[in-house]
Structure formats: structure tokens, C-alpha cells
Amino acid sequence: MTTARRLVACFAIAAFALSLGVVAQEKKDKKDTKKTPTTKEIMKKVPGKEGLCAKCNAAAKGEKWEDAKKIGAELKAYGEALGKNTPKKGDKESWEKHAKGFSEVMTEIADAADKKDKDGVAAGAKKFGGMCADCHKAHK
């Protein structure tokens, strides 16, 4: 093989290897970037008789603390995510206030579950139940 052919072959192999590295990095970047759940997704998961808040409360009442902690962690993540969204209607300041309150209550429930405090989980769930109307009135 001539020197020129060897050089071309080396460049081709190097280019191929480099392209594999770029594709692998792009796939890793996509996996590492978690999409923020939408307000609609959060509202499908958290409230209601079958929602995460009720499930966490039920787990705490039954003293199933591992379940309650796991659900509490999910609630906390949804609480943090809500404020990253923008509402369909209503002003920014009101949204920030309601989203902050939602996040605080989700954190309160999660912290109570971590401490195995069933009364704290129940209090947080009750507080959350009373928050919906004002936020929906302003932003839904």
C-alpha cells in the first residue's frame, strides 16, 4: 500500500471514530436532560382521590414509610417543576405566588414522610386540598 493510501485510510478511520463519539455524546445529552413536566401533567399526577398526594397520605396512615417517602420525593419534584411552567392565563406575580405555595406544601408533605410523621403528611395534604380553587380561578 502506498503512503497516500495509508494516509487516506487513517483519516477515514479517524473520521469514523470521531463520528461515533459525537453520536454517543448526543444520546447521553438527551438522556441527561429531563423534560420539565407541564402544568397539565402535574395536575394529572398530584391532586385527586387517585393522585400522588392522596397516595402519600394513605401510605403514611398505613405506616408504609418507604412508599410514603418515595411518593413524597415525587411530590417534591413536581412542586419544584410547577413554577418552571407558565400559565395559560393570569399574571406572572400571581403564578409565582401560587407555584411557590404549591412547592412549599409538596416539600412539607415530603419532609413529613421522611420523618415518618403521619399527622404532618395529613396536614400537608389537607392544606393542599384548600389551595386549588384560588389558583384555578386565576390561571385556568
N, C-alpha and C. Protein backbone atom coordinates (compact mmCIF):
# COMPACT_ATOMS: atom_id res chain seq x y z
N MET A 1 0.85 -1.17 0.00
CA MET A 1 0.00 0.00 0.00
C MET A 1 0.90 1.24 0.00
N THR A 2 0.52 2.21 -0.78
CA THR A 2 1.33 3.42 -0.84
C THR A 2 1.06 4.30 0.37
N THR A 3 1.94 5.22 0.59
CA THR A 3 1.82 6.14 1.72
C THR A 3 0.55 6.96 1.63
N ALA A 4 0.19 7.38 0.44
CA ALA A 4 -1.02 8.19 0.25
C ALA A 4 -2.26 7.39 0.62
N ARG A 5 -2.30 6.11 0.22
CA ARG A 5 -3.46 5.28 0.53
C ARG A 5 -3.55 5.03 2.04
N ARG A 6 -2.41 4.81 2.68
CA ARG A 6 -2.40 4.61 4.13
C ARG A 6 -2.91 5.86 4.85
N LEU A 7 -2.48 7.00 4.37
CA LEU A 7 -2.89 8.26 4.96
C LEU A 7 -4.40 8.46 4.81
N VAL A 8 -4.95 8.18 3.65
CA VAL A 8 -6.39 8.30 3.41
C VAL A 8 -7.15 7.31 4.30
N ALA A 9 -6.63 6.08 4.41
CA ALA A 9 -7.28 5.07 5.24
C ALA A 9 -7.28 5.51 6.71
N CYS A 10 -6.17 6.05 7.18
CA CYS A 10 -6.09 6.54 8.57
C CYS A 10 -7.07 7.67 8.81
N PHE A 11 -7.18 8.61 7.86
CA PHE A 11 -8.13 9.71 8.00
C PHE A 11 -9.57 9.20 8.03
N ALA A 12 -9.86 8.22 7.19
CA ALA A 12 -11.21 7.66 7.14
C ALA A 12 -11.56 6.98 8.47
N ILE A 13 -10.62 6.22 9.01
CA ILE A 13 -10.86 5.55 10.29
C ILE A 13 -11.02 6.57 11.41
N ALA A 14 -10.20 7.60 11.42
CA ALA A 14 -10.29 8.64 12.44
C ALA A 14 -11.62 9.39 12.36
N ALA A 15 -12.05 9.69 11.14
CA ALA A 15 -13.32 10.39 10.96
C ALA A 15 -14.48 9.53 11.44
N PHE A 16 -14.44 8.24 11.15
CA PHE A 16 -15.49 7.32 11.59
C PHE A 16 -15.54 7.25 13.12
N ALA A 17 -14.37 7.11 13.73
CA ALA A 17 -14.30 7.04 15.19
C ALA A 17 -14.82 8.33 15.82
N LEU A 18 -14.47 9.46 15.25
CA LEU A 18 -14.92 10.75 15.77
C LEU A 18 -16.44 10.86 15.66
N SER A 19 -17.01 10.41 14.54
CA SER A 19 -18.46 10.50 14.37
C SER A 19 -19.19 9.61 15.37
N LEU A 20 -18.63 8.45 15.72
CA LEU A 20 -19.24 7.60 16.73
C LEU A 20 -19.26 8.29 18.09
N GLY A 21 -18.18 8.98 18.40
CA GLY A 21 -18.11 9.71 19.67
C GLY A 21 -19.13 10.82 19.75
N VAL A 22 -19.35 11.53 18.65
CA VAL A 22 -20.31 12.62 18.61
C VAL A 22 -21.73 12.08 18.80
N VAL A 23 -22.06 10.99 18.11
CA VAL A 23 -23.39 10.38 18.23
C VAL A 23 -23.62 9.90 19.66
N ALA A 24 -22.62 9.26 20.26
CA ALA A 24 -22.75 8.78 21.64
C ALA A 24 -22.97 9.94 22.61
N GLN A 25 -22.27 11.04 22.42
CA GLN A 25 -22.42 12.20 23.30
C GLN A 25 -23.81 12.81 23.16
N GLU A 26 -24.32 12.89 21.92
CA GLU A 26 -25.66 13.44 21.71
C GLU A 26 -26.71 12.59 22.42
N LYS A 27 -26.59 11.26 22.35
CA LYS A 27 -27.53 10.39 23.04
C LYS A 27 -27.44 10.57 24.54
N LYS A 28 -26.23 10.72 25.07
CA LYS A 28 -26.05 10.92 26.51
C LYS A 28 -26.68 12.25 26.93
N ASP A 29 -26.47 13.30 26.13
CA ASP A 29 -27.04 14.61 26.45
C ASP A 29 -28.56 14.55 26.50
N LYS A 30 -29.17 13.80 25.59
CA LYS A 30 -30.62 13.68 25.58
C LYS A 30 -31.12 12.96 26.81
N LYS A 31 -30.40 11.93 27.26
CA LYS A 31 -30.79 11.20 28.46
C LYS A 31 -30.65 12.07 29.70
N ASP A 32 -29.59 12.86 29.78
CA ASP A 32 -29.31 13.66 30.96
C ASP A 32 -30.28 14.82 31.11
N THR A 33 -30.86 15.27 30.02
CA THR A 33 -31.77 16.40 30.05
C THR A 33 -33.18 15.89 30.28
N LYS A 34 -33.66 16.05 31.51
CA LYS A 34 -35.02 15.63 31.80
C LYS A 34 -35.96 16.77 31.47
N LYS A 35 -37.02 16.42 30.81
CA LYS A 35 -38.02 17.40 30.41
C LYS A 35 -38.83 17.82 31.64
N THR A 36 -39.04 19.10 31.79
CA THR A 36 -39.88 19.60 32.87
C THR A 36 -41.33 19.21 32.57
N PRO A 37 -42.00 18.57 33.51
CA PRO A 37 -43.40 18.21 33.26
C PRO A 37 -44.25 19.47 33.11
N THR A 38 -45.22 19.39 32.24
CA THR A 38 -46.13 20.52 32.02
C THR A 38 -47.07 20.65 33.21
N THR A 39 -47.73 21.79 33.28
CA THR A 39 -48.72 22.00 34.33
C THR A 39 -49.81 20.93 34.24
N LYS A 40 -50.22 20.63 33.03
CA LYS A 40 -51.26 19.62 32.82
C LYS A 40 -50.80 18.25 33.33
N GLU A 41 -49.57 17.89 33.04
CA GLU A 41 -49.04 16.61 33.51
C GLU A 41 -48.99 16.57 35.05
N ILE A 42 -48.58 17.68 35.64
CA ILE A 42 -48.50 17.75 37.10
C ILE A 42 -49.90 17.62 37.71
N MET A 43 -50.86 18.30 37.11
CA MET A 43 -52.23 18.27 37.63
C MET A 43 -52.90 16.91 37.41
N LYS A 44 -52.42 16.13 36.48
CA LYS A 44 -52.94 14.77 36.31
C LYS A 44 -52.36 13.83 37.36
N LYS A 45 -51.17 14.12 37.83
CA LYS A 45 -50.47 13.23 38.76
C LYS A 45 -50.72 13.53 40.24
N VAL A 46 -50.79 14.79 40.62
CA VAL A 46 -50.75 15.15 42.04
C VAL A 46 -52.11 15.16 42.74
N PRO A 47 -53.11 15.92 42.28
CA PRO A 47 -54.37 16.00 43.04
C PRO A 47 -55.32 14.84 42.76
N GLY A 48 -56.41 14.82 43.48
CA GLY A 48 -57.47 13.85 43.25
C GLY A 48 -57.37 12.63 44.16
N LYS A 49 -58.43 11.86 44.15
CA LYS A 49 -58.52 10.67 45.01
C LYS A 49 -57.46 9.63 44.66
N GLU A 50 -57.03 9.59 43.41
CA GLU A 50 -56.02 8.64 42.97
C GLU A 50 -54.66 9.32 42.75
N GLY A 51 -54.57 10.60 43.12
CA GLY A 51 -53.34 11.35 42.90
C GLY A 51 -52.26 11.01 43.91
N LEU A 52 -51.07 11.49 43.63
CA LEU A 52 -49.92 11.21 44.49
C LEU A 52 -50.08 11.75 45.91
N CYS A 53 -50.73 12.89 46.04
CA CYS A 53 -50.93 13.46 47.37
C CYS A 53 -51.77 12.52 48.23
N ALA A 54 -52.87 12.02 47.67
CA ALA A 54 -53.73 11.08 48.40
C ALA A 54 -53.00 9.77 48.67
N LYS A 55 -52.22 9.31 47.71
CA LYS A 55 -51.47 8.06 47.89
C LYS A 55 -50.43 8.20 49.00
N CYS A 56 -49.77 9.34 49.06
CA CYS A 56 -48.78 9.57 50.11
C CYS A 56 -49.47 9.60 51.48
N ASN A 57 -50.60 10.26 51.54
CA ASN A 57 -51.35 10.34 52.79
C ASN A 57 -51.80 8.94 53.22
N ALA A 58 -52.29 8.14 52.28
CA ALA A 58 -52.73 6.78 52.60
C ALA A 58 -51.55 5.91 53.06
N ALA A 59 -50.42 6.06 52.40
CA ALA A 59 -49.23 5.30 52.80
C ALA A 59 -48.79 5.68 54.21
N ALA A 60 -48.85 6.98 54.51
CA ALA A 60 -48.46 7.44 55.85
C ALA A 60 -49.44 6.92 56.91
N LYS A 61 -50.74 6.97 56.60
CA LYS A 61 -51.73 6.46 57.55
C LYS A 61 -51.51 4.98 57.84
N GLY A 62 -51.11 4.23 56.80
CA GLY A 62 -50.85 2.81 56.96
C GLY A 62 -49.44 2.52 57.43
N GLU A 63 -48.70 3.58 57.71
CA GLU A 63 -47.31 3.49 58.15
C GLU A 63 -46.42 2.69 57.19
N LYS A 64 -46.70 2.85 55.92
CA LYS A 64 -45.86 2.27 54.87
C LYS A 64 -44.86 3.35 54.46
N TRP A 65 -43.86 3.54 55.29
CA TRP A 65 -42.98 4.69 55.19
C TRP A 65 -42.10 4.70 53.96
N GLU A 66 -41.69 3.55 53.48
CA GLU A 66 -40.87 3.53 52.26
C GLU A 66 -41.69 4.03 51.07
N ASP A 67 -42.95 3.60 51.00
CA ASP A 67 -43.84 4.08 49.94
C ASP A 67 -44.08 5.58 50.09
N ALA A 68 -44.36 6.00 51.31
CA ALA A 68 -44.63 7.42 51.56
C ALA A 68 -43.43 8.28 51.19
N LYS A 69 -42.22 7.83 51.52
CA LYS A 69 -41.01 8.60 51.18
C LYS A 69 -40.81 8.69 49.68
N LYS A 70 -41.05 7.59 48.99
CA LYS A 70 -40.88 7.57 47.53
C LYS A 70 -41.89 8.53 46.88
N ILE A 71 -43.13 8.44 47.30
CA ILE A 71 -44.17 9.32 46.75
C ILE A 71 -43.88 10.76 47.14
N GLY A 72 -43.43 10.98 48.35
CA GLY A 72 -43.08 12.33 48.80
C GLY A 72 -41.99 12.95 47.93
N ALA A 73 -41.01 12.15 47.56
CA ALA A 73 -39.94 12.66 46.68
C ALA A 73 -40.51 13.07 45.32
N GLU A 74 -41.46 12.29 44.82
CA GLU A 74 -42.11 12.65 43.55
C GLU A 74 -42.89 13.95 43.70
N LEU A 75 -43.62 14.08 44.80
CA LEU A 75 -44.39 15.30 45.05
C LEU A 75 -43.47 16.52 45.09
N LYS A 76 -42.35 16.37 45.77
CA LYS A 76 -41.40 17.47 45.87
C LYS A 76 -40.87 17.86 44.48
N ALA A 77 -40.57 16.87 43.65
CA ALA A 77 -40.09 17.16 42.30
C ALA A 77 -41.16 17.87 41.47
N TYR A 78 -42.41 17.43 41.59
CA TYR A 78 -43.49 18.12 40.88
C TYR A 78 -43.69 19.53 41.42
N GLY A 79 -43.52 19.69 42.72
CA GLY A 79 -43.63 21.02 43.30
C GLY A 79 -42.60 21.98 42.75
N GLU A 80 -41.38 21.50 42.59
CA GLU A 80 -40.31 22.32 42.03
C GLU A 80 -40.55 22.60 40.55
N ALA A 81 -41.16 21.66 39.85
CA ALA A 81 -41.37 21.80 38.40
C ALA A 81 -42.48 22.79 38.04
N LEU A 82 -43.50 22.87 38.87
CA LEU A 82 -44.65 23.70 38.51
C LEU A 82 -44.26 25.15 38.21
N GLY A 83 -43.41 25.73 39.01
CA GLY A 83 -43.02 27.12 38.82
C GLY A 83 -42.20 27.37 37.56
N LYS A 84 -41.70 26.31 36.94
CA LYS A 84 -40.94 26.45 35.70
C LYS A 84 -41.85 26.58 34.48
N ASN A 85 -43.13 26.36 34.69
CA ASN A 85 -44.12 26.49 33.62
C ASN A 85 -44.73 27.89 33.64
N THR A 86 -45.43 28.19 32.57
CA THR A 86 -46.17 29.45 32.52
C THR A 86 -47.65 29.12 32.31
N PRO A 87 -48.55 29.83 32.98
CA PRO A 87 -49.96 29.51 32.88
C PRO A 87 -50.57 30.04 31.57
N LYS A 88 -51.71 29.48 31.22
CA LYS A 88 -52.42 29.93 30.02
C LYS A 88 -52.99 31.33 30.20
N LYS A 89 -53.35 31.65 31.43
CA LYS A 89 -53.88 32.99 31.71
C LYS A 89 -53.44 33.43 33.09
N GLY A 90 -53.66 34.69 33.38
CA GLY A 90 -53.28 35.23 34.68
C GLY A 90 -51.92 35.89 34.64
N ASP A 91 -51.65 36.71 35.66
CA ASP A 91 -50.39 37.44 35.66
C ASP A 91 -49.24 36.65 36.29
N LYS A 92 -48.05 37.07 35.98
CA LYS A 92 -46.83 36.37 36.39
C LYS A 92 -46.68 36.34 37.92
N GLU A 93 -46.94 37.45 38.57
CA GLU A 93 -46.77 37.53 40.02
C GLU A 93 -47.70 36.56 40.75
N SER A 94 -48.93 36.49 40.28
CA SER A 94 -49.89 35.57 40.88
C SER A 94 -49.43 34.13 40.68
N TRP A 95 -48.97 33.82 39.47
CA TRP A 95 -48.50 32.47 39.18
C TRP A 95 -47.33 32.10 40.09
N GLU A 96 -46.39 33.02 40.23
CA GLU A 96 -45.23 32.76 41.07
C GLU A 96 -45.64 32.49 42.52
N LYS A 97 -46.61 33.26 43.00
CA LYS A 97 -47.11 33.09 44.37
C LYS A 97 -47.75 31.71 44.54
N HIS A 98 -48.62 31.34 43.61
CA HIS A 98 -49.30 30.05 43.72
C HIS A 98 -48.33 28.89 43.53
N ALA A 99 -47.42 29.01 42.58
CA ALA A 99 -46.44 27.94 42.34
C ALA A 99 -45.53 27.76 43.55
N LYS A 100 -45.15 28.88 44.17
CA LYS A 100 -44.31 28.80 45.37
C LYS A 100 -45.06 28.11 46.50
N GLY A 101 -46.33 28.45 46.67
CA GLY A 101 -47.14 27.81 47.70
C GLY A 101 -47.29 26.32 47.45
N PHE A 102 -47.51 25.95 46.20
CA PHE A 102 -47.62 24.55 45.82
C PHE A 102 -46.33 23.82 46.16
N SER A 103 -45.22 24.41 45.78
CA SER A 103 -43.91 23.80 46.04
C SER A 103 -43.67 23.64 47.54
N GLU A 104 -44.01 24.65 48.31
CA GLU A 104 -43.81 24.59 49.76
C GLU A 104 -44.63 23.46 50.39
N VAL A 105 -45.87 23.30 49.95
CA VAL A 105 -46.72 22.26 50.52
C VAL A 105 -46.21 20.87 50.10
N MET A 106 -45.78 20.72 48.85
CA MET A 106 -45.24 19.43 48.41
C MET A 106 -43.98 19.08 49.20
N THR A 107 -43.16 20.08 49.47
CA THR A 107 -41.95 19.86 50.28
C THR A 107 -42.33 19.52 51.71
N GLU A 108 -43.35 20.18 52.24
CA GLU A 108 -43.83 19.90 53.60
C GLU A 108 -44.29 18.44 53.72
N ILE A 109 -45.02 17.97 52.72
CA ILE A 109 -45.50 16.58 52.73
C ILE A 109 -44.31 15.63 52.64
N ALA A 110 -43.39 15.91 51.72
CA ALA A 110 -42.22 15.05 51.55
C ALA A 110 -41.38 14.99 52.82
N ASP A 111 -41.17 16.14 53.44
CA ASP A 111 -40.38 16.18 54.68
C ASP A 111 -41.06 15.41 55.81
N ALA A 112 -42.39 15.54 55.89
CA ALA A 112 -43.13 14.81 56.92
C ALA A 112 -43.03 13.30 56.67
N ALA A 113 -43.09 12.90 55.42
CA ALA A 113 -42.95 11.47 55.10
C ALA A 113 -41.56 10.97 55.47
N ASP A 114 -40.55 11.79 55.20
CA ASP A 114 -39.18 11.42 55.57
C ASP A 114 -39.03 11.24 57.08
N LYS A 115 -39.77 12.05 57.85
CA LYS A 115 -39.69 12.00 59.32
C LYS A 115 -40.67 10.98 59.92
N LYS A 116 -41.41 10.28 59.05
CA LYS A 116 -42.42 9.32 59.49
C LYS A 116 -43.48 9.99 60.37
N ASP A 117 -43.88 11.17 59.94
CA ASP A 117 -44.85 11.99 60.67
C ASP A 117 -46.19 11.96 59.92
N LYS A 118 -47.05 10.99 60.30
CA LYS A 118 -48.30 10.85 59.55
C LYS A 118 -49.23 12.04 59.75
N ASP A 119 -49.19 12.68 60.91
CA ASP A 119 -50.01 13.88 61.12
C ASP A 119 -49.52 15.02 60.24
N GLY A 120 -48.21 15.13 60.06
CA GLY A 120 -47.64 16.16 59.19
C GLY A 120 -48.01 15.94 57.73
N VAL A 121 -47.99 14.68 57.28
CA VAL A 121 -48.40 14.36 55.91
C VAL A 121 -49.87 14.72 55.73
N ALA A 122 -50.70 14.32 56.70
CA ALA A 122 -52.14 14.61 56.62
C ALA A 122 -52.41 16.12 56.60
N ALA A 123 -51.69 16.86 57.43
CA ALA A 123 -51.86 18.32 57.47
C ALA A 123 -51.47 18.95 56.14
N GLY A 124 -50.37 18.48 55.57
CA GLY A 124 -49.94 18.99 54.26
C GLY A 124 -50.95 18.67 53.17
N ALA A 125 -51.48 17.45 53.19
CA ALA A 125 -52.48 17.04 52.19
C ALA A 125 -53.74 17.89 52.33
N LYS A 126 -54.14 18.16 53.56
CA LYS A 126 -55.33 19.00 53.79
C LYS A 126 -55.08 20.42 53.29
N LYS A 127 -53.90 20.94 53.59
CA LYS A 127 -53.55 22.28 53.14
C LYS A 127 -53.56 22.35 51.62
N PHE A 128 -53.02 21.32 50.98
CA PHE A 128 -53.01 21.28 49.52
C PHE A 128 -54.42 21.28 48.95
N GLY A 129 -55.31 20.52 49.58
CA GLY A 129 -56.69 20.45 49.10
C GLY A 129 -57.39 21.80 49.09
N GLY A 130 -56.98 22.68 49.97
CA GLY A 130 -57.60 24.00 50.04
C GLY A 130 -56.98 25.04 49.12
N MET A 131 -55.92 24.67 48.41
CA MET A 131 -55.21 25.63 47.57
C MET A 131 -55.73 25.70 46.13
N CYS A 132 -56.39 24.68 45.69
CA CYS A 132 -56.70 24.53 44.26
C CYS A 132 -57.58 25.65 43.71
N ALA A 133 -58.64 25.96 44.39
CA ALA A 133 -59.64 26.88 43.85
C ALA A 133 -59.06 28.25 43.50
N ASP A 134 -58.27 28.82 44.39
CA ASP A 134 -57.72 30.16 44.12
C ASP A 134 -56.81 30.16 42.91
N CYS A 135 -55.97 29.15 42.80
CA CYS A 135 -55.04 29.09 41.67
C CYS A 135 -55.80 28.85 40.37
N HIS A 136 -56.75 27.93 40.40
CA HIS A 136 -57.51 27.65 39.18
C HIS A 136 -58.33 28.87 38.75
N LYS A 137 -58.86 29.60 39.71
CA LYS A 137 -59.64 30.80 39.40
C LYS A 137 -58.77 31.81 38.66
N ALA A 138 -57.54 31.94 39.07
CA ALA A 138 -56.65 32.93 38.47
C ALA A 138 -55.97 32.46 37.19
N HIS A 139 -55.75 31.16 37.05
CA HIS A 139 -54.87 30.70 35.96
C HIS A 139 -55.42 29.62 35.04
N LYS A 140 -56.58 29.09 35.33
CA LYS A 140 -57.09 28.02 34.47
C LYS A 140 -58.17 28.51 33.54
